[in-house]
Amino acid sequence: MRHFPTHDLSEAEFENLVLAICRELLGVGVSGFSPGPDGGRDGIFEGTANRFPSDSAPASGKIVIQAKHVQSPVASCSDSSFRKTLLDKELPKVKRLFDDGKLTHYLLFTNRKKTAGADEHFRKRVREEAGLTNAWLLGLDSIHQELRAHPHIVRNAGLDRFHIPLDFSPEDYRDIIAGLYAHRSAVETGFDSAHEFDAPGFTAKNALNGLSSDYSAHIREDSMPHFDDIARFLKNPRNTDLAEKYHVVANELKEQLIVHTEQFLNFEHALSAIPGLIRENAPELQTPAKRRLLKIMVHYMYVNCEIGKKS
């Protein structure tokens, strides 16, 4: 399922994205405000919505729209920065707008993940502190749902410039990294395996795939010292299932890179982008140690000629 890197947008770009979504949900009458103090508003719509919150019972009245952007891909609506800091700042503004008759419905969009209890907590606070019952919290999943339904918004917002067009499931990668992480005492220590991998074949492969000398040195110095232990891990009979998954995902990744080769600036760009794409769909891999293992594993695939050109 396609995800969109909204975290790479600026605040202004995210606001424009939210307004574009709202024109689909509410109607073309959605208007935004110029940059500056917004008094709790990034956009407004007055009238009867096209299809929000549903086709059968659309909202009607003065609908105020607010967009709150974060850069962290693991940010959640359960974080204290949202539950306390942001709502403490914004709800007094909502109350003033409601008391002044300037809103009857409130939509807060955020590119944070919306957890199970976040919506209930949000509604309760808006009801108790602003006196408003018609309020909705729309998180990252809701934004992705609308973007998948309306590709023209994706194009107009420029999100395609961030999109890495690989289509694969992160589950097998997650399992492999979990296994390596459990085995991390050896991986973190590493072995001096440069003599096995830093052969003329490595230099020739880098030239064939267009890797710069700096990136080649990065692989040699930061990743290669751990390759020997990864090889031992994959060959261990106790890890047969994970080894099979490794070869499946390597083959899958190889195919995707061949199909979408023109979508990348170069193969170096592809190698550096792959770990980020996998992590975007598997938040469990966001810890520093697992991020490092994931990068090493992708480099291991490359040096072992499982991905990238080899002739």
Protein backbone atom coordinates (compact mmCIF):
# COMPACT_ATOMS: atom_id res chain seq x y z
CA MET A 1 0.00 0.00 0.00
CA ARG A 2 1.48 3.31 -1.05
CA HIS A 3 2.57 5.76 1.60
CA PHE A 4 3.46 9.40 1.07
CA PRO A 5 6.39 11.27 2.68
CA THR A 6 4.41 14.17 4.11
CA HIS A 7 7.14 14.62 6.72
CA ASP A 8 9.44 15.95 3.97
CA LEU A 9 7.08 18.83 3.20
CA SER A 10 7.46 22.28 4.69
CA GLU A 11 4.73 23.58 6.99
CA ALA A 12 3.34 25.78 4.20
CA GLU A 13 3.35 22.87 1.74
CA PHE A 14 1.55 20.67 4.26
CA GLU A 15 -1.10 23.35 4.83
CA ASN A 16 -1.70 23.57 1.07
CA LEU A 17 -1.95 19.78 0.92
CA VAL A 18 -4.57 19.76 3.68
CA LEU A 19 -6.59 22.50 1.95
CA ALA A 20 -6.53 20.49 -1.29
CA ILE A 21 -7.85 17.44 0.56
CA CYS A 22 -10.54 19.58 2.17
CA ARG A 23 -11.72 20.85 -1.22
CA GLU A 24 -12.46 17.21 -2.06
CA LEU A 25 -14.11 16.47 1.29
CA LEU A 26 -15.97 19.74 1.79
CA GLY A 27 -16.17 21.65 -1.48
CA VAL A 28 -14.46 24.18 -3.72
CA GLY A 29 -15.44 26.95 -1.31
CA VAL A 30 -12.59 26.03 1.03
CA SER A 31 -10.31 29.05 1.41
CA GLY A 32 -6.97 29.43 3.15
CA PHE A 33 -5.37 32.26 5.06
CA SER A 34 -2.19 34.13 4.26
CA PRO A 35 0.93 33.33 6.32
CA GLY A 36 0.90 34.90 9.77
CA PRO A 37 -1.07 34.55 13.01
CA ASP A 38 -4.08 32.46 12.05
CA GLY A 39 -6.03 32.64 15.29
CA GLY A 40 -6.46 28.88 15.20
CA ARG A 41 -7.33 28.66 11.49
CA ASP A 42 -5.49 27.59 8.35
CA GLY A 43 -8.67 27.33 6.29
CA ILE A 44 -12.42 27.76 6.45
CA PHE A 45 -15.51 26.48 4.67
CA GLU A 46 -19.09 27.63 5.12
CA GLY A 47 -21.98 25.59 3.78
CA THR A 48 -22.79 21.88 3.44
CA ALA A 49 -19.86 19.53 2.92
CA ASN A 50 -19.60 17.29 -0.15
CA ARG A 51 -19.01 14.10 1.79
CA PHE A 52 -17.66 14.75 5.26
CA PRO A 53 -17.93 13.09 7.71
CA SER A 54 -20.03 10.86 5.43
CA ASP A 55 -21.98 10.95 2.17
CA SER A 56 -25.27 10.34 3.96
CA ALA A 57 -24.79 12.89 6.77
CA PRO A 58 -22.51 15.72 5.58
CA ALA A 59 -21.57 18.47 8.02
CA SER A 60 -23.17 21.86 7.55
CA GLY A 61 -22.14 25.20 9.00
CA LYS A 62 -18.88 27.07 9.56
CA ILE A 63 -16.07 24.55 9.33
CA VAL A 64 -12.63 25.65 10.52
CA ILE A 65 -9.61 23.70 9.28
CA GLN A 66 -6.24 23.52 10.99
CA ALA A 67 -3.07 21.74 9.84
CA LYS A 68 -0.25 20.74 12.18
CA HIS A 69 2.89 19.36 10.57
CA VAL A 70 5.75 17.37 12.11
CA GLN A 71 8.99 16.21 10.51
CA SER A 72 9.36 13.02 12.55
CA PRO A 73 7.96 9.94 10.75
CA VAL A 74 7.32 8.21 14.09
CA ALA A 75 5.44 11.08 15.76
CA SER A 76 2.12 10.08 17.30
CA CYS A 77 -1.01 11.83 18.53
CA SER A 78 -0.31 10.12 21.85
CA ASP A 79 2.96 12.03 22.29
CA SER A 80 3.02 14.64 25.05
CA SER A 81 4.01 17.24 22.46
CA PHE A 82 0.59 16.77 20.86
CA ARG A 83 -1.62 15.83 23.80
CA LYS A 84 -0.40 18.60 26.02
CA THR A 85 1.72 21.25 24.35
CA LEU A 86 -0.16 21.61 21.04
CA LEU A 87 -3.69 21.26 22.41
CA ASP A 88 -2.91 23.59 25.33
CA LYS A 89 -1.93 26.21 22.77
CA GLU A 90 -4.69 25.68 20.22
CA LEU A 91 -7.86 24.94 22.20
CA PRO A 92 -8.18 28.45 23.70
CA LYS A 93 -8.19 29.79 20.10
CA VAL A 94 -10.88 27.28 19.16
CA LYS A 95 -12.97 28.34 22.15
CA ARG A 96 -12.74 32.03 21.15
CA LEU A 97 -13.81 31.24 17.58
CA PHE A 98 -16.71 29.13 18.87
CA ASP A 99 -17.81 31.74 21.41
CA ASP A 100 -17.69 34.42 18.69
CA GLY A 101 -19.86 32.32 16.37
CA LYS A 102 -17.06 31.88 13.83
CA LEU A 103 -17.10 28.08 13.83
CA THR A 104 -19.53 25.22 14.32
CA HIS A 105 -17.20 22.39 13.22
CA TYR A 106 -13.46 21.93 13.78
CA LEU A 107 -11.13 19.74 11.68
CA LEU A 108 -7.56 19.25 12.88
CA PHE A 109 -5.25 17.53 10.39
CA THR A 110 -1.84 16.22 11.41
CA ASN A 111 0.71 13.94 9.79
CA ARG A 112 1.18 12.17 13.11
CA LYS A 113 -0.03 8.60 13.52
CA LYS A 114 -3.41 8.54 15.24
CA THR A 115 -3.44 5.88 17.96
CA ALA A 116 -6.50 4.12 19.34
CA GLY A 117 -7.21 6.44 22.25
CA ALA A 118 -6.05 9.67 20.65
CA ASP A 119 -9.34 10.49 18.93
CA GLU A 120 -11.34 10.00 22.14
CA HIS A 121 -8.87 12.12 24.12
CA PHE A 122 -9.00 14.87 21.47
CA ARG A 123 -12.80 14.98 21.36
CA LYS A 124 -13.04 15.02 25.14
CA ARG A 125 -10.65 17.95 25.48
CA VAL A 126 -12.33 19.95 22.71
CA ARG A 127 -15.73 19.33 24.29
CA GLU A 128 -14.63 20.19 27.82
CA GLU A 129 -12.30 23.12 27.07
CA ALA A 130 -13.90 24.72 24.01
CA GLY A 131 -17.52 23.66 24.39
CA LEU A 132 -17.58 22.17 20.90
CA THR A 133 -19.00 18.72 20.08
CA ASN A 134 -18.42 18.70 16.31
CA ALA A 135 -14.66 18.13 16.13
CA TRP A 136 -12.54 15.63 14.20
CA LEU A 137 -8.90 14.61 14.41
CA LEU A 138 -7.55 13.37 11.07
CA GLY A 139 -4.15 11.71 11.30
CA LEU A 140 -1.63 10.25 8.88
CA ASP A 141 -3.79 7.26 7.87
CA SER A 142 -6.69 9.53 6.91
CA ILE A 143 -4.38 11.76 4.86
CA HIS A 144 -2.89 8.75 3.06
CA GLN A 145 -6.38 7.41 2.34
CA GLU A 146 -7.39 10.65 0.62
CA LEU A 147 -4.12 10.90 -1.31
CA ARG A 148 -4.50 7.35 -2.63
CA ALA A 149 -8.04 8.21 -3.74
CA HIS A 150 -7.02 11.49 -5.43
CA PRO A 151 -3.68 11.17 -7.31
CA HIS A 152 -4.04 14.68 -8.73
CA ILE A 153 -3.55 16.07 -5.20
CA VAL A 154 -0.29 14.12 -4.94
CA ARG A 155 0.94 15.58 -8.22
CA ASN A 156 -0.18 19.12 -7.45
CA ALA A 157 1.41 19.02 -3.99
CA GLY A 158 4.70 17.83 -5.45
CA LEU A 159 4.76 14.70 -3.30
CA ASP A 160 5.88 12.66 -6.30
CA ARG A 161 9.26 14.33 -6.10
CA PHE A 162 9.85 12.47 -2.84
CA HIS A 163 8.25 9.19 -3.83
CA ILE A 164 10.55 6.22 -4.24
CA PRO A 165 8.61 3.91 -6.57
CA LEU A 166 9.42 0.56 -4.96
CA ASP A 167 6.55 -1.71 -4.04
CA PHE A 168 7.30 -4.34 -1.43
CA SER A 169 6.19 -5.38 2.03
CA PRO A 170 8.53 -4.59 4.94
CA GLU A 171 7.60 -7.60 7.08
CA ASP A 172 10.37 -9.94 5.90
CA TYR A 173 12.98 -7.18 6.23
CA ARG A 174 11.71 -6.53 9.74
CA ASP A 175 12.07 -10.20 10.70
CA ILE A 176 15.60 -10.43 9.32
CA ILE A 177 16.73 -7.30 11.14
CA ALA A 178 15.08 -8.55 14.34
CA GLY A 179 17.13 -11.74 14.03
CA LEU A 180 20.34 -9.82 13.40
CA TYR A 181 19.53 -7.50 16.28
CA ALA A 182 19.14 -10.46 18.63
CA HIS A 183 22.57 -11.54 17.35
CA ARG A 184 23.93 -7.99 17.66
CA SER A 185 26.73 -8.67 20.14
CA ALA A 186 28.71 -10.30 17.34
CA VAL A 187 27.55 -7.90 14.64
CA GLU A 188 28.47 -4.87 16.71
CA THR A 189 31.92 -6.32 17.40
CA GLY A 190 32.42 -7.21 13.76
CA PHE A 191 35.22 -9.02 12.02
CA ASP A 192 37.93 -7.77 9.71
CA SER A 193 36.45 -9.16 6.52
CA ALA A 194 37.70 -6.44 4.20
CA HIS A 195 40.25 -8.85 2.79
CA GLU A 196 37.39 -11.02 1.53
CA PHE A 197 35.28 -8.32 -0.03
CA ASP A 198 37.64 -5.50 -0.95
CA ALA A 199 38.83 -7.29 -4.06
CA PRO A 200 39.17 -5.97 -7.63
CA GLY A 201 35.61 -7.18 -8.19
CA PHE A 202 34.28 -4.65 -5.70
CA THR A 203 36.01 -1.76 -7.46
CA ALA A 204 34.77 -2.95 -10.85
CA LYS A 205 31.22 -3.36 -9.55
CA ASN A 206 31.24 0.16 -8.12
CA ALA A 207 32.36 1.56 -11.47
CA LEU A 208 29.67 -0.43 -13.26
CA ASN A 209 26.95 0.91 -10.93
CA GLY A 210 28.29 4.46 -10.81
CA LEU A 211 29.14 4.60 -7.10
CA SER A 212 31.34 7.50 -6.10
CA SER A 213 34.64 6.93 -4.33
CA ASP A 214 33.18 8.48 -1.16
CA TYR A 215 30.19 6.14 -1.11
CA SER A 216 32.42 3.15 -1.90
CA ALA A 217 34.63 4.12 1.04
CA HIS A 218 31.51 4.42 3.22
CA ILE A 219 30.55 0.82 2.41
CA ARG A 220 34.11 -0.42 2.89
CA GLU A 221 34.70 1.33 6.21
CA ASP A 222 31.28 1.26 7.87
CA SER A 223 29.58 -1.88 6.57
CA MET A 224 32.15 -4.39 5.37
CA PRO A 225 33.62 -5.11 8.83
CA HIS A 226 30.28 -6.77 9.70
CA PHE A 227 29.74 -8.81 6.53
CA ASP A 228 31.55 -11.93 7.72
CA ASP A 229 29.28 -12.28 10.72
CA ILE A 230 26.14 -11.68 8.66
CA ALA A 231 27.27 -14.49 6.36
CA ARG A 232 27.77 -16.79 9.38
CA PHE A 233 24.34 -15.82 10.70
CA LEU A 234 22.59 -16.62 7.40
CA LYS A 235 24.44 -19.92 7.01
CA ASN A 236 23.64 -21.11 10.54
CA PRO A 237 21.10 -24.00 10.31
CA ARG A 238 19.12 -22.44 13.16
CA ASN A 239 18.43 -19.43 10.94
CA THR A 240 17.21 -21.30 7.86
CA ASP A 241 13.83 -19.53 7.79
CA LEU A 242 15.45 -16.10 8.03
CA ALA A 243 18.02 -17.03 5.38
CA GLU A 244 15.19 -18.01 3.02
CA LYS A 245 13.48 -14.68 3.71
CA TYR A 246 16.74 -12.88 3.06
CA HIS A 247 17.12 -14.42 -0.40
CA VAL A 248 13.47 -13.75 -1.21
CA VAL A 249 13.69 -10.06 -0.30
CA ALA A 250 17.03 -9.69 -2.10
CA ASN A 251 15.51 -11.10 -5.28
CA GLU A 252 12.40 -8.96 -4.83
CA LEU A 253 14.48 -5.84 -4.32
CA LYS A 254 16.64 -6.65 -7.34
CA GLU A 255 13.54 -6.91 -9.54
CA GLN A 256 12.09 -3.65 -8.25
CA LEU A 257 15.35 -1.81 -8.86
CA ILE A 258 15.47 -3.09 -12.43
CA VAL A 259 11.86 -2.10 -13.14
CA HIS A 260 12.21 1.38 -11.62
CA THR A 261 15.82 2.17 -12.47
CA GLU A 262 14.89 5.37 -14.36
CA GLN A 263 13.13 6.77 -11.28
CA PHE A 264 16.41 7.22 -9.42
CA LEU A 265 19.14 9.77 -10.04
CA ASN A 266 21.66 6.92 -9.95
CA PHE A 267 22.24 3.62 -8.20
CA GLU A 268 23.98 5.33 -5.30
CA HIS A 269 20.78 7.29 -4.74
CA ALA A 270 18.81 4.03 -4.80
CA LEU A 271 21.11 2.36 -2.25
CA SER A 272 20.85 5.30 0.14
CA ALA A 273 17.06 5.57 -0.27
CA ILE A 274 16.08 1.91 0.23
CA PRO A 275 16.61 1.73 4.02
CA GLY A 276 14.52 4.87 4.53
CA LEU A 277 11.64 3.47 2.48
CA ILE A 278 11.66 0.22 4.44
CA ARG A 279 11.73 2.10 7.75
CA GLU A 280 8.83 4.31 6.65
CA ASN A 281 6.66 1.20 6.43
CA ALA A 282 8.15 -0.53 9.49
CA PRO A 283 8.42 1.91 12.42
CA GLU A 284 9.92 -0.88 14.54
CA LEU A 285 13.16 -0.35 12.61
CA GLN A 286 13.54 3.30 13.62
CA THR A 287 15.88 2.67 16.56
CA PRO A 288 19.49 3.65 15.81
CA ALA A 289 20.85 0.10 16.15
CA LYS A 290 18.25 -1.39 13.80
CA ARG A 291 18.62 1.45 11.31
CA ARG A 292 22.34 0.70 11.18
CA LEU A 293 21.77 -3.03 10.71
CA LEU A 294 19.29 -2.37 7.91
CA LYS A 295 21.80 -0.18 6.06
CA ILE A 296 24.52 -2.81 6.51
CA MET A 297 22.20 -5.53 5.18
CA VAL A 298 21.41 -3.54 2.01
CA HIS A 299 25.14 -2.94 1.47
CA TYR A 300 25.75 -6.66 2.02
CA MET A 301 23.23 -7.48 -0.72
CA TYR A 302 24.99 -5.08 -3.05
CA VAL A 303 28.54 -6.30 -2.44
CA ASN A 304 27.42 -9.92 -2.78
CA CYS A 305 25.98 -9.02 -6.21
CA GLU A 306 22.40 -9.82 -5.19
CA ILE A 307 21.32 -6.33 -6.21
CA GLY A 308 22.92 -3.98 -8.73
CA LYS A 309 24.68 -4.63 -12.02
CA LYS A 310 27.43 -7.22 -11.99
CA SER A 311 28.24 -7.51 -15.70
